[in-house]
Amino acid sequence: MKIITSILAASILLVSCNQYQKTKSGLAYKITSAGNKEKLKQGQFVKMNIKFTVGSKDSVLNSTFEHIPAYLMIDSSRSNKYSFLELLPLCAKGDKIDFTLSIDTLKKMGMIPDYNNVFVKKGMIKGKLEILQVFANDKETNEDYKKENDKEKAREIADLEKYIKDKNIKTQKSENGVLIEIENPGTEPKADTGKQVSVYYKGYTMDGKVFDTNIGKDAQHKDAYPVVLGRHSVIQGWEEGLKFFGKGGKGKLYVPSMMAYGPQGNPPVIPAFSNLIFEVEIVDITNAPAPVAPQMTAPQHP
């Protein structure tokens, strides 16, 4: 009888541990403790992995797992209503959180502008979060982020190198890891810092989906795109890759995500952490025009 009672008690405990609780704002959550008793405090910096999925097939909306973790500061003074931020003060290092968000509630709160084929009525967004590390100040946080940033870029370059090796493509590598396939190097001198480079291009993701171009019938722009190298008006992958070509040059740039749009991506056309390919043709290289000075406005008198 004691054995049966013990088994029953253990079963009840297991069920209760798996039940979701709710915050005051209605956010449903479940915390799996790692055993650390010291909860997160105001002003600390948290390193964490987080993932959002939606729909019956758990389609991934965003995820830091297998990429650069997210970093943020604990700030209880902000309004964190109906957000995983509500849950962080309840947690400690190593804890894991599962939570769900109602799409209807998010729409009522103005967090989702309208329903669509992803955010449907009565739908739910599932969240998964794991607290990896806690830092006391932004210096420690920035040092750790740089390490993670370097690891991410190394992974992306390795993926691109495997891609071109599998396809038997011959490339050169820039200082920071852009891979350049040169079909025609163009004339000397090559493009360089301080020069304006006029470029025809086609950009696409690794699965071949074109997201921007000024070439052919699908062109979103008619003219060659002017880029002044060194002014950082374009992604770093272009800043480095275009310098391998002179006027008339033609080829492809294989750009690691961290030298393109990185963790933010460029929604909705470029997902987060997307390595990119650009077909480029250099139609002209000229001296750069002088930077446009900001206009001074006359002081307003009362």
C-alpha atoms as a PDB file:
ATOM      1  CA  MET A   1       0.000   0.000   0.000  1.00  0.00           C
ATOM      2  CA  LYS A   2       2.852   2.384   0.861  1.00  0.00           C
ATOM      3  CA  ILE A   3       4.481   1.624  -2.501  1.00  0.00           C
ATOM      4  CA  ILE A   4       1.253   2.399  -4.384  1.00  0.00           C
ATOM      5  CA  THR A   5       0.805   5.622  -2.389  1.00  0.00           C
ATOM      6  CA  SER A   6       4.389   6.676  -3.181  1.00  0.00           C
ATOM      7  CA  ILE A   7       3.925   5.996  -6.896  1.00  0.00           C
ATOM      8  CA  LEU A   8       0.668   7.971  -6.897  1.00  0.00           C
ATOM      9  CA  ALA A   9       2.307  10.890  -5.089  1.00  0.00           C
ATOM     10  CA  ALA A  10       5.209  10.897  -7.546  1.00  0.00           C
ATOM     11  CA  SER A  11       2.772  10.853 -10.473  1.00  0.00           C
ATOM     12  CA  ILE A  12       0.835  13.819  -9.095  1.00  0.00           C
ATOM     13  CA  LEU A  13       4.098  15.715  -8.548  1.00  0.00           C
ATOM     14  CA  LEU A  14       5.220  14.997 -12.126  1.00  0.00           C
ATOM     15  CA  VAL A  15       1.934  16.210 -13.582  1.00  0.00           C
ATOM     16  CA  SER A  16       1.986  19.379 -11.498  1.00  0.00           C
ATOM     17  CA  CYS A  17       5.566  20.102 -12.588  1.00  0.00           C
ATOM     18  CA  ASN A  18       4.489  19.903 -16.216  1.00  0.00           C
ATOM     19  CA  GLN A  19       1.527  22.235 -15.819  1.00  0.00           C
ATOM     20  CA  TYR A  20       1.762  25.765 -17.159  1.00  0.00           C
ATOM     21  CA  GLN A  21       1.305  28.767 -14.906  1.00  0.00           C
ATOM     22  CA  LYS A  22       0.203  32.250 -15.956  1.00  0.00           C
ATOM     23  CA  THR A  23       1.584  35.716 -15.326  1.00  0.00           C
ATOM     24  CA  LYS A  24      -0.714  38.606 -14.383  1.00  0.00           C
ATOM     25  CA  SER A  25      -0.909  39.570 -18.059  1.00  0.00           C
ATOM     26  CA  GLY A  26      -2.012  36.036 -19.001  1.00  0.00           C
ATOM     27  CA  LEU A  27       1.245  34.678 -20.423  1.00  0.00           C
ATOM     28  CA  ALA A  28       1.318  30.896 -19.999  1.00  0.00           C
ATOM     29  CA  TYR A  29       4.706  29.494 -18.994  1.00  0.00           C
ATOM     30  CA  LYS A  30       6.601  26.601 -17.446  1.00  0.00           C
ATOM     31  CA  ILE A  31      10.068  26.954 -15.868  1.00  0.00           C
ATOM     32  CA  THR A  32      12.431  23.998 -15.603  1.00  0.00           C
ATOM     33  CA  SER A  33      14.933  24.827 -12.896  1.00  0.00           C
ATOM     34  CA  ALA A  34      18.626  24.000 -13.135  1.00  0.00           C
ATOM     35  CA  GLY A  35      18.890  24.132  -9.361  1.00  0.00           C
ATOM     36  CA  ASN A  36      20.492  27.550  -8.936  1.00  0.00           C
ATOM     37  CA  LYS A  37      18.740  29.548  -6.213  1.00  0.00           C
ATOM     38  CA  GLU A  38      20.046  33.032  -7.072  1.00  0.00           C
ATOM     39  CA  LYS A  39      17.448  34.706  -9.272  1.00  0.00           C
ATOM     40  CA  LEU A  40      18.288  37.231 -11.977  1.00  0.00           C
ATOM     41  CA  LYS A  41      18.604  40.789 -10.712  1.00  0.00           C
ATOM     42  CA  GLN A  42      17.952  44.263 -12.044  1.00  0.00           C
ATOM     43  CA  GLY A  43      20.878  45.540 -14.123  1.00  0.00           C
ATOM     44  CA  GLN A  44      22.421  42.138 -14.841  1.00  0.00           C
ATOM     45  CA  PHE A  45      23.061  41.037 -18.421  1.00  0.00           C
ATOM     46  CA  VAL A  46      21.703  37.717 -19.626  1.00  0.00           C
ATOM     47  CA  LYS A  47      23.012  35.485 -22.398  1.00  0.00           C
ATOM     48  CA  MET A  48      20.298  33.172 -23.654  1.00  0.00           C
ATOM     49  CA  ASN A  49      19.013  31.091 -26.518  1.00  0.00           C
ATOM     50  CA  ILE A  50      15.432  31.697 -27.606  1.00  0.00           C
ATOM     51  CA  LYS A  51      13.203  30.186 -30.249  1.00  0.00           C
ATOM     52  CA  PHE A  52       9.719  31.063 -31.535  1.00  0.00           C
ATOM     53  CA  THR A  53       7.566  28.659 -33.541  1.00  0.00           C
ATOM     54  CA  VAL A  54       4.038  28.961 -34.905  1.00  0.00           C
ATOM     55  CA  GLY A  55       1.339  26.693 -36.306  1.00  0.00           C
ATOM     56  CA  SER A  56       0.605  22.988 -36.045  1.00  0.00           C
ATOM     57  CA  LYS A  57       3.905  22.166 -37.773  1.00  0.00           C
ATOM     58  CA  ASP A  58       5.909  24.405 -35.417  1.00  0.00           C
ATOM     59  CA  SER A  59       7.340  26.515 -38.230  1.00  0.00           C
ATOM     60  CA  VAL A  60      10.312  28.482 -36.914  1.00  0.00           C
ATOM     61  CA  LEU A  61       9.777  32.245 -36.771  1.00  0.00           C
ATOM     62  CA  ASN A  62      13.132  33.015 -35.211  1.00  0.00           C
ATOM     63  CA  SER A  63      15.787  31.107 -33.311  1.00  0.00           C
ATOM     64  CA  THR A  64      19.206  31.775 -31.805  1.00  0.00           C
ATOM     65  CA  PHE A  65      19.887  28.091 -31.183  1.00  0.00           C
ATOM     66  CA  GLU A  66      22.952  27.047 -33.227  1.00  0.00           C
ATOM     67  CA  HIS A  67      23.713  30.722 -33.930  1.00  0.00           C
ATOM     68  CA  ILE A  68      24.662  33.714 -31.790  1.00  0.00           C
ATOM     69  CA  PRO A  69      22.785  33.727 -28.473  1.00  0.00           C
ATOM     70  CA  ALA A  70      20.711  36.758 -27.530  1.00  0.00           C
ATOM     71  CA  TYR A  71      21.968  39.253 -24.941  1.00  0.00           C
ATOM     72  CA  LEU A  72      19.853  41.666 -22.916  1.00  0.00           C
ATOM     73  CA  MET A  73      19.823  43.579 -19.658  1.00  0.00           C
ATOM     74  CA  ILE A  74      17.329  42.837 -16.918  1.00  0.00           C
ATOM     75  CA  ASP A  75      15.209  45.972 -16.649  1.00  0.00           C
ATOM     76  CA  SER A  76      12.087  45.622 -14.531  1.00  0.00           C
ATOM     77  CA  SER A  77      11.301  49.336 -14.939  1.00  0.00           C
ATOM     78  CA  ARG A  78      10.145  48.728 -18.514  1.00  0.00           C
ATOM     79  CA  SER A  79       6.686  47.521 -19.410  1.00  0.00           C
ATOM     80  CA  ASN A  80       7.224  43.817 -20.105  1.00  0.00           C
ATOM     81  CA  LYS A  81       3.544  42.926 -20.267  1.00  0.00           C
ATOM     82  CA  TYR A  82       2.725  39.692 -22.119  1.00  0.00           C
ATOM     83  CA  SER A  83       6.364  39.017 -23.009  1.00  0.00           C
ATOM     84  CA  PHE A  84       8.997  36.492 -21.985  1.00  0.00           C
ATOM     85  CA  LEU A  85      10.704  39.465 -20.315  1.00  0.00           C
ATOM     86  CA  GLU A  86       8.090  39.103 -17.565  1.00  0.00           C
ATOM     87  CA  LEU A  87       9.566  35.730 -16.713  1.00  0.00           C
ATOM     88  CA  LEU A  88      13.262  36.527 -16.420  1.00  0.00           C
ATOM     89  CA  PRO A  89      13.172  37.789 -12.798  1.00  0.00           C
ATOM     90  CA  LEU A  90      11.661  34.403 -11.860  1.00  0.00           C
ATOM     91  CA  CYS A  91      14.646  32.532 -13.265  1.00  0.00           C
ATOM     92  CA  ALA A  92      18.274  31.738 -12.500  1.00  0.00           C
ATOM     93  CA  LYS A  93      21.281  30.741 -14.603  1.00  0.00           C
ATOM     94  CA  GLY A  94      20.678  27.452 -16.398  1.00  0.00           C
ATOM     95  CA  ASP A  95      16.887  27.566 -16.167  1.00  0.00           C
ATOM     96  CA  LYS A  96      14.745  26.729 -19.182  1.00  0.00           C
ATOM     97  CA  ILE A  97      11.373  28.277 -20.011  1.00  0.00           C
ATOM     98  CA  ASP A  98       8.563  27.091 -22.253  1.00  0.00           C
ATOM     99  CA  PHE A  99       5.836  29.646 -22.933  1.00  0.00           C
ATOM    100  CA  THR A 100       2.923  30.298 -25.281  1.00  0.00           C
ATOM    101  CA  LEU A 101       1.519  33.496 -26.736  1.00  0.00           C
ATOM    102  CA  SER A 102      -2.008  33.888 -28.073  1.00  0.00           C
ATOM    103  CA  ILE A 103      -2.030  35.536 -31.503  1.00  0.00           C
ATOM    104  CA  ASP A 104      -5.451  37.005 -30.749  1.00  0.00           C
ATOM    105  CA  THR A 105      -4.101  38.614 -27.563  1.00  0.00           C
ATOM    106  CA  LEU A 106      -1.031  39.954 -29.372  1.00  0.00           C
ATOM    107  CA  LYS A 107      -3.296  41.527 -31.999  1.00  0.00           C
ATOM    108  CA  LYS A 108      -5.531  43.124 -29.360  1.00  0.00           C
ATOM    109  CA  MET A 109      -2.435  44.614 -27.730  1.00  0.00           C
ATOM    110  CA  GLY A 110      -1.190  45.985 -31.071  1.00  0.00           C
ATOM    111  CA  MET A 111       1.889  43.753 -31.149  1.00  0.00           C
ATOM    112  CA  ILE A 112       0.706  42.172 -34.402  1.00  0.00           C
ATOM    113  CA  PRO A 113      -0.775  44.617 -36.949  1.00  0.00           C
ATOM    114  CA  ASP A 114      -3.184  42.139 -38.530  1.00  0.00           C
ATOM    115  CA  TYR A 115      -3.891  38.475 -39.143  1.00  0.00           C
ATOM    116  CA  ASN A 116      -2.173  36.804 -42.100  1.00  0.00           C
ATOM    117  CA  ASN A 117      -1.207  33.338 -43.300  1.00  0.00           C
ATOM    118  CA  VAL A 118       1.328  33.041 -40.453  1.00  0.00           C
ATOM    119  CA  PHE A 119      -0.499  34.796 -37.608  1.00  0.00           C
ATOM    120  CA  VAL A 120      -3.966  33.277 -37.802  1.00  0.00           C
ATOM    121  CA  LYS A 121      -7.029  33.713 -35.587  1.00  0.00           C
ATOM    122  CA  LYS A 122      -6.981  31.515 -32.489  1.00  0.00           C
ATOM    123  CA  GLY A 123      -3.400  30.583 -33.309  1.00  0.00           C
ATOM    124  CA  MET A 124      -0.570  30.240 -30.819  1.00  0.00           C
ATOM    125  CA  ILE A 125       3.120  31.113 -30.830  1.00  0.00           C
ATOM    126  CA  LYS A 126       5.318  28.742 -28.839  1.00  0.00           C
ATOM    127  CA  GLY A 127       8.479  29.982 -27.178  1.00  0.00           C
ATOM    128  CA  LYS A 128      11.496  28.148 -25.832  1.00  0.00           C
ATOM    129  CA  LEU A 129      14.203  29.910 -23.816  1.00  0.00           C
ATOM    130  CA  GLU A 130      17.384  28.780 -22.075  1.00  0.00           C
ATOM    131  CA  ILE A 131      19.498  31.035 -19.832  1.00  0.00           C
ATOM    132  CA  LEU A 132      23.138  30.294 -20.631  1.00  0.00           C
ATOM    133  CA  GLN A 133      25.115  32.851 -18.642  1.00  0.00           C
ATOM    134  CA  VAL A 134      24.730  35.938 -16.464  1.00  0.00           C
ATOM    135  CA  PHE A 135      27.110  38.924 -16.548  1.00  0.00           C
ATOM    136  CA  ALA A 136      27.514  41.759 -14.071  1.00  0.00           C
ATOM    137  CA  ASN A 137      28.319  44.514 -16.571  1.00  0.00           C
ATOM    138  CA  ASP A 138      28.341  45.420 -20.262  1.00  0.00           C
ATOM    139  CA  LYS A 139      32.149  44.987 -20.563  1.00  0.00           C
ATOM    140  CA  GLU A 140      31.914  41.285 -19.741  1.00  0.00           C
ATOM    141  CA  THR A 141      28.880  40.998 -21.997  1.00  0.00           C
ATOM    142  CA  ASN A 142      30.609  42.645 -24.975  1.00  0.00           C
ATOM    143  CA  GLU A 143      33.687  40.436 -24.589  1.00  0.00           C
ATOM    144  CA  ASP A 144      31.529  37.316 -24.628  1.00  0.00           C
ATOM    145  CA  TYR A 145      29.480  38.579 -27.574  1.00  0.00           C
ATOM    146  CA  LYS A 146      32.652  39.140 -29.620  1.00  0.00           C
ATOM    147  CA  LYS A 147      33.686  35.521 -29.020  1.00  0.00           C
ATOM    148  CA  GLU A 148      30.268  34.271 -30.125  1.00  0.00           C
ATOM    149  CA  ASN A 149      30.339  36.607 -33.127  1.00  0.00           C
ATOM    150  CA  ASP A 150      33.714  35.206 -34.233  1.00  0.00           C
ATOM    151  CA  LYS A 151      32.477  31.617 -33.825  1.00  0.00           C
ATOM    152  CA  GLU A 152      29.359  32.366 -35.880  1.00  0.00           C
ATOM    153  CA  LYS A 153      31.351  33.920 -38.713  1.00  0.00           C
ATOM    154  CA  ALA A 154      33.762  30.961 -38.737  1.00  0.00           C
ATOM    155  CA  ARG A 155      30.794  28.574 -39.061  1.00  0.00           C
ATOM    156  CA  GLU A 156      29.335  30.600 -41.928  1.00  0.00           C
ATOM    157  CA  ILE A 157      32.630  30.765 -43.818  1.00  0.00           C
ATOM    158  CA  ALA A 158      33.042  27.002 -43.374  1.00  0.00           C
ATOM    159  CA  ASP A 159      29.543  26.459 -44.800  1.00  0.00           C
ATOM    160  CA  LEU A 160      30.341  28.647 -47.829  1.00  0.00           C
ATOM    161  CA  GLU A 161      33.675  26.923 -48.393  1.00  0.00           C
ATOM    162  CA  LYS A 162      31.936  23.540 -48.376  1.00  0.00           C
ATOM    163  CA  TYR A 163      29.330  24.883 -50.825  1.00  0.00           C
ATOM    164  CA  ILE A 164      31.919  26.051 -53.369  1.00  0.00           C
ATOM    165  CA  LYS A 165      34.031  22.913 -52.906  1.00  0.00           C
ATOM    166  CA  ASP A 166      31.025  20.677 -53.590  1.00  0.00           C
ATOM    167  CA  LYS A 167      30.330  22.686 -56.759  1.00  0.00           C
ATOM    168  CA  ASN A 168      34.011  22.810 -57.752  1.00  0.00           C
ATOM    169  CA  ILE A 169      34.038  26.631 -57.844  1.00  0.00           C
ATOM    170  CA  LYS A 170      37.367  28.452 -57.743  1.00  0.00           C
ATOM    171  CA  THR A 171      37.390  31.479 -55.455  1.00  0.00           C
ATOM    172  CA  GLN A 172      39.651  33.918 -53.670  1.00  0.00           C
ATOM    173  CA  LYS A 173      39.082  35.021 -50.074  1.00  0.00           C
ATOM    174  CA  SER A 174      38.997  38.576 -48.748  1.00  0.00           C
ATOM    175  CA  GLU A 175      40.575  39.581 -45.449  1.00  0.00           C
ATOM    176  CA  ASN A 176      37.442  38.837 -43.414  1.00  0.00           C
ATOM    177  CA  GLY A 177      36.075  35.860 -45.291  1.00  0.00           C
ATOM    178  CA  VAL A 178      34.129  36.936 -48.393  1.00  0.00           C
ATOM    179  CA  LEU A 179      34.674  34.350 -51.142  1.00  0.00           C
ATOM    180  CA  ILE A 180      35.056  35.877 -54.617  1.00  0.00           C
ATOM    181  CA  GLU A 181      34.535  33.993 -57.874  1.00  0.00           C
ATOM    182  CA  ILE A 182      36.200  36.022 -60.624  1.00  0.00           C
ATOM    183  CA  GLU A 183      34.836  35.436 -64.128  1.00  0.00           C
ATOM    184  CA  ASN A 184      36.478  38.582 -65.521  1.00  0.00           C
ATOM    185  CA  PRO A 185      38.838  40.657 -63.320  1.00  0.00           C
ATOM    186  CA  GLY A 186      38.292  43.814 -65.386  1.00  0.00           C
ATOM    187  CA  THR A 187      40.904  46.431 -66.162  1.00  0.00           C
ATOM    188  CA  GLU A 188      43.421  48.022 -63.825  1.00  0.00           C
ATOM    189  CA  PRO A 189      43.269  49.782 -61.466  1.00  0.00           C
ATOM    190  CA  LYS A 190      40.936  47.810 -59.253  1.00  0.00           C
ATOM    191  CA  ALA A 191      38.161  49.403 -57.233  1.00  0.00           C
ATOM    192  CA  ASP A 192      39.405  50.816 -53.945  1.00  0.00           C
ATOM    193  CA  THR A 193      38.480  52.936 -50.956  1.00  0.00           C
ATOM    194  CA  GLY A 194      37.410  56.428 -52.007  1.00  0.00           C
ATOM    195  CA  LYS A 195      36.283  55.344 -55.490  1.00  0.00           C
ATOM    196  CA  GLN A 196      32.714  55.233 -56.737  1.00  0.00           C
ATOM    197  CA  VAL A 197      31.870  51.868 -58.251  1.00  0.00           C
ATOM    198  CA  SER A 198      28.822  51.486 -60.527  1.00  0.00           C
ATOM    199  CA  VAL A 199      27.451  47.953 -60.165  1.00  0.00           C
ATOM    200  CA  TYR A 200      24.891  45.772 -61.866  1.00  0.00           C
ATOM    201  CA  TYR A 201      23.972  42.991 -59.459  1.00  0.00           C
ATOM    202  CA  LYS A 202      21.653  40.153 -58.543  1.00  0.00           C
ATOM    203  CA  GLY A 203      21.400  39.037 -54.922  1.00  0.00           C
ATOM    204  CA  TYR A 204      19.963  35.718 -53.820  1.00  0.00           C
ATOM    205  CA  THR A 205      19.876  33.388 -50.840  1.00  0.00           C
ATOM    206  CA  MET A 206      21.630  30.021 -50.841  1.00  0.00           C
ATOM    207  CA  ASP A 207      18.467  28.282 -52.031  1.00  0.00           C
ATOM    208  CA  GLY A 208      18.459  30.460 -55.165  1.00  0.00           C
ATOM    209  CA  LYS A 209      15.684  32.877 -54.185  1.00  0.00           C
ATOM    210  CA  VAL A 210      16.375  36.316 -55.679  1.00  0.00           C
ATOM    211  CA  PHE A 211      15.729  39.154 -53.221  1.00  0.00           C
ATOM    212  CA  ASP A 212      17.062  42.168 -55.164  1.00  0.00           C
ATOM    213  CA  THR A 213      18.435  42.900 -58.634  1.00  0.00           C
ATOM    214  CA  ASN A 214      18.909  45.591 -61.259  1.00  0.00           C
ATOM    215  CA  ILE A 215      19.549  43.033 -64.029  1.00  0.00           C
ATOM    216  CA  GLY A 216      17.075  41.766 -66.643  1.00  0.00           C
ATOM    217  CA  LYS A 217      13.307  41.502 -66.613  1.00  0.00           C
ATOM    218  CA  ASP A 218      13.147  41.044 -62.826  1.00  0.00           C
ATOM    219  CA  ALA A 219      15.095  44.252 -62.206  1.00  0.00           C
ATOM    220  CA  GLN A 220      13.776  46.293 -59.306  1.00  0.00           C
ATOM    221  CA  HIS A 221      16.039  49.187 -60.346  1.00  0.00           C
ATOM    222  CA  LYS A 222      17.010  50.314 -63.864  1.00  0.00           C
ATOM    223  CA  ASP A 223      20.430  51.884 -63.462  1.00  0.00           C
ATOM    224  CA  ALA A 224      23.780  50.618 -62.236  1.00  0.00           C
ATOM    225  CA  TYR A 225      23.997  51.055 -58.481  1.00  0.00           C
ATOM    226  CA  PRO A 226      26.646  53.602 -57.345  1.00  0.00           C
ATOM    227  CA  VAL A 227      28.709  52.581 -54.328  1.00  0.00           C
ATOM    228  CA  VAL A 228      31.406  54.749 -52.743  1.00  0.00           C
ATOM    229  CA  LEU A 229      33.791  52.296 -51.109  1.00  0.00           C
ATOM    230  CA  GLY A 230      34.867  53.238 -47.616  1.00  0.00           C
ATOM    231  CA  ARG A 231      31.698  55.123 -46.680  1.00  0.00           C
ATOM    232  CA  HIS A 232      30.034  51.938 -45.427  1.00  0.00           C
ATOM    233  CA  SER A 233      26.757  52.607 -47.203  1.00  0.00           C
ATOM    234  CA  VAL A 234      26.584  48.927 -48.211  1.00  0.00           C
ATOM    235  CA  ILE A 235      27.191  45.621 -46.439  1.00  0.00           C
ATOM    236  CA  GLN A 236      30.753  44.749 -45.479  1.00  0.00           C
ATOM    237  CA  GLY A 237      30.707  41.867 -47.964  1.00  0.00           C
ATOM    238  CA  TRP A 238      30.435  44.374 -50.804  1.00  0.00           C
ATOM    239  CA  GLU A 239      33.021  46.724 -49.290  1.00  0.00           C
ATOM    240  CA  GLU A 240      35.590  43.921 -49.434  1.00  0.00           C
ATOM    241  CA  GLY A 241      34.408  41.874 -52.404  1.00  0.00           C
ATOM    242  CA  LEU A 242      34.148  44.680 -54.980  1.00  0.00           C
ATOM    243  CA  LYS A 243      37.825  45.544 -54.499  1.00  0.00           C
ATOM    244  CA  PHE A 244      38.769  42.390 -56.414  1.00  0.00           C
ATOM    245  CA  PHE A 245      37.407  43.859 -59.667  1.00  0.00           C
ATOM    246  CA  GLY A 246      38.285  46.633 -62.086  1.00  0.00           C
ATOM    247  CA  LYS A 247      36.084  48.318 -64.680  1.00  0.00           C
ATOM    248  CA  GLY A 248      34.392  45.630 -66.780  1.00  0.00           C
ATOM    249  CA  GLY A 249      34.904  43.041 -64.045  1.00  0.00           C
ATOM    250  CA  LYS A 250      32.354  40.347 -63.489  1.00  0.00           C
ATOM    251  CA  GLY A 251      31.882  37.562 -60.957  1.00  0.00           C
ATOM    252  CA  LYS A 252      30.152  36.427 -57.787  1.00  0.00           C
ATOM    253  CA  LEU A 253      30.477  37.304 -54.111  1.00  0.00           C
ATOM    254  CA  TYR A 254      29.741  34.598 -51.526  1.00  0.00           C
ATOM    255  CA  VAL A 255      29.036  36.595 -48.392  1.00  0.00           C
ATOM    256  CA  PRO A 256      28.829  35.222 -44.829  1.00  0.00           C
ATOM    257  CA  SER A 257      25.735  36.373 -42.984  1.00  0.00           C
ATOM    258  CA  MET A 258      27.783  38.289 -40.417  1.00  0.00           C
ATOM    259  CA  MET A 259      29.177  40.392 -43.274  1.00  0.00           C
ATOM    260  CA  ALA A 260      25.683  40.944 -44.672  1.00  0.00           C
ATOM    261  CA  TYR A 261      22.486  41.247 -42.583  1.00  0.00           C
ATOM    262  CA  GLY A 262      23.427  38.943 -39.693  1.00  0.00           C
ATOM    263  CA  PRO A 263      21.005  38.081 -36.888  1.00  0.00           C
ATOM    264  CA  GLN A 264      18.474  40.734 -37.970  1.00  0.00           C
ATOM    265  CA  GLY A 265      18.210  39.598 -41.583  1.00  0.00           C
ATOM    266  CA  ASN A 266      16.187  41.877 -43.842  1.00  0.00           C
ATOM    267  CA  PRO A 267      12.569  40.718 -43.400  1.00  0.00           C
ATOM    268  CA  PRO A 268      10.606  39.489 -45.146  1.00  0.00           C
ATOM    269  CA  VAL A 269      12.992  38.675 -48.003  1.00  0.00           C
ATOM    270  CA  ILE A 270      16.204  37.741 -46.163  1.00  0.00           C
ATOM    271  CA  PRO A 271      15.886  35.491 -43.098  1.00  0.00           C
ATOM    272  CA  ALA A 272      18.173  35.928 -40.108  1.00  0.00           C
ATOM    273  CA  PHE A 273      21.657  34.405 -40.437  1.00  0.00           C
ATOM    274  CA  SER A 274      21.442  34.048 -44.220  1.00  0.00           C
ATOM    275  CA  ASN A 275      24.619  33.589 -46.219  1.00  0.00           C
ATOM    276  CA  LEU A 276      24.146  35.383 -49.544  1.00  0.00           C
ATOM    277  CA  ILE A 277      25.367  35.220 -53.135  1.00  0.00           C
ATOM    278  CA  PHE A 278      25.686  38.276 -55.390  1.00  0.00           C
ATOM    279  CA  GLU A 279      26.334  38.281 -59.110  1.00  0.00           C
ATOM    280  CA  VAL A 280      28.151  41.550 -59.820  1.00  0.00           C
ATOM    281  CA  GLU A 281      29.318  43.419 -62.918  1.00  0.00           C
ATOM    282  CA  ILE A 282      31.414  46.577 -62.590  1.00  0.00           C
ATOM    283  CA  VAL A 283      30.416  48.988 -65.335  1.00  0.00           C
ATOM    284  CA  ASP A 284      32.453  51.985 -64.166  1.00  0.00           C
ATOM    285  CA  ILE A 285      34.914  53.192 -61.536  1.00  0.00           C
ATOM    286  CA  THR A 286      35.272  56.928 -60.974  1.00  0.00           C
ATOM    287  CA  ASN A 287      36.445  59.376 -58.342  1.00  0.00           C
ATOM    288  CA  ALA A 288      33.848  59.653 -55.634  1.00  0.00           C
ATOM    289  CA  PRO A 289      31.770  62.823 -55.424  1.00  0.00           C
ATOM    290  CA  ALA A 290      32.299  64.908 -52.327  1.00  0.00           C
ATOM    291  CA  PRO A 291      30.052  63.933 -49.416  1.00  0.00           C
ATOM    292  CA  VAL A 292      26.927  66.022 -49.150  1.00  0.00           C
ATOM    293  CA  ALA A 293      27.274  68.322 -46.149  1.00  0.00           C
ATOM    294  CA  PRO A 294      24.279  68.383 -43.788  1.00  0.00           C
ATOM    295  CA  GLN A 295      22.123  71.432 -44.390  1.00  0.00           C
ATOM    296  CA  MET A 296      22.047  74.035 -41.650  1.00  0.00           C
ATOM    297  CA  THR A 297      18.638  75.364 -40.802  1.00  0.00           C
ATOM    298  CA  ALA A 298      18.078  78.911 -39.674  1.00  0.00           C
ATOM    299  CA  PRO A 299      17.309  79.334 -35.980  1.00  0.00           C
ATOM    300  CA  GLN A 300      13.658  79.673 -35.182  1.00  0.00           C
ATOM    301  CA  HIS A 301      12.626  82.824 -33.374  1.00  0.00           C
ATOM    302  CA  PRO A 302       9.707  82.890 -31.007  1.00  0.00           C
END
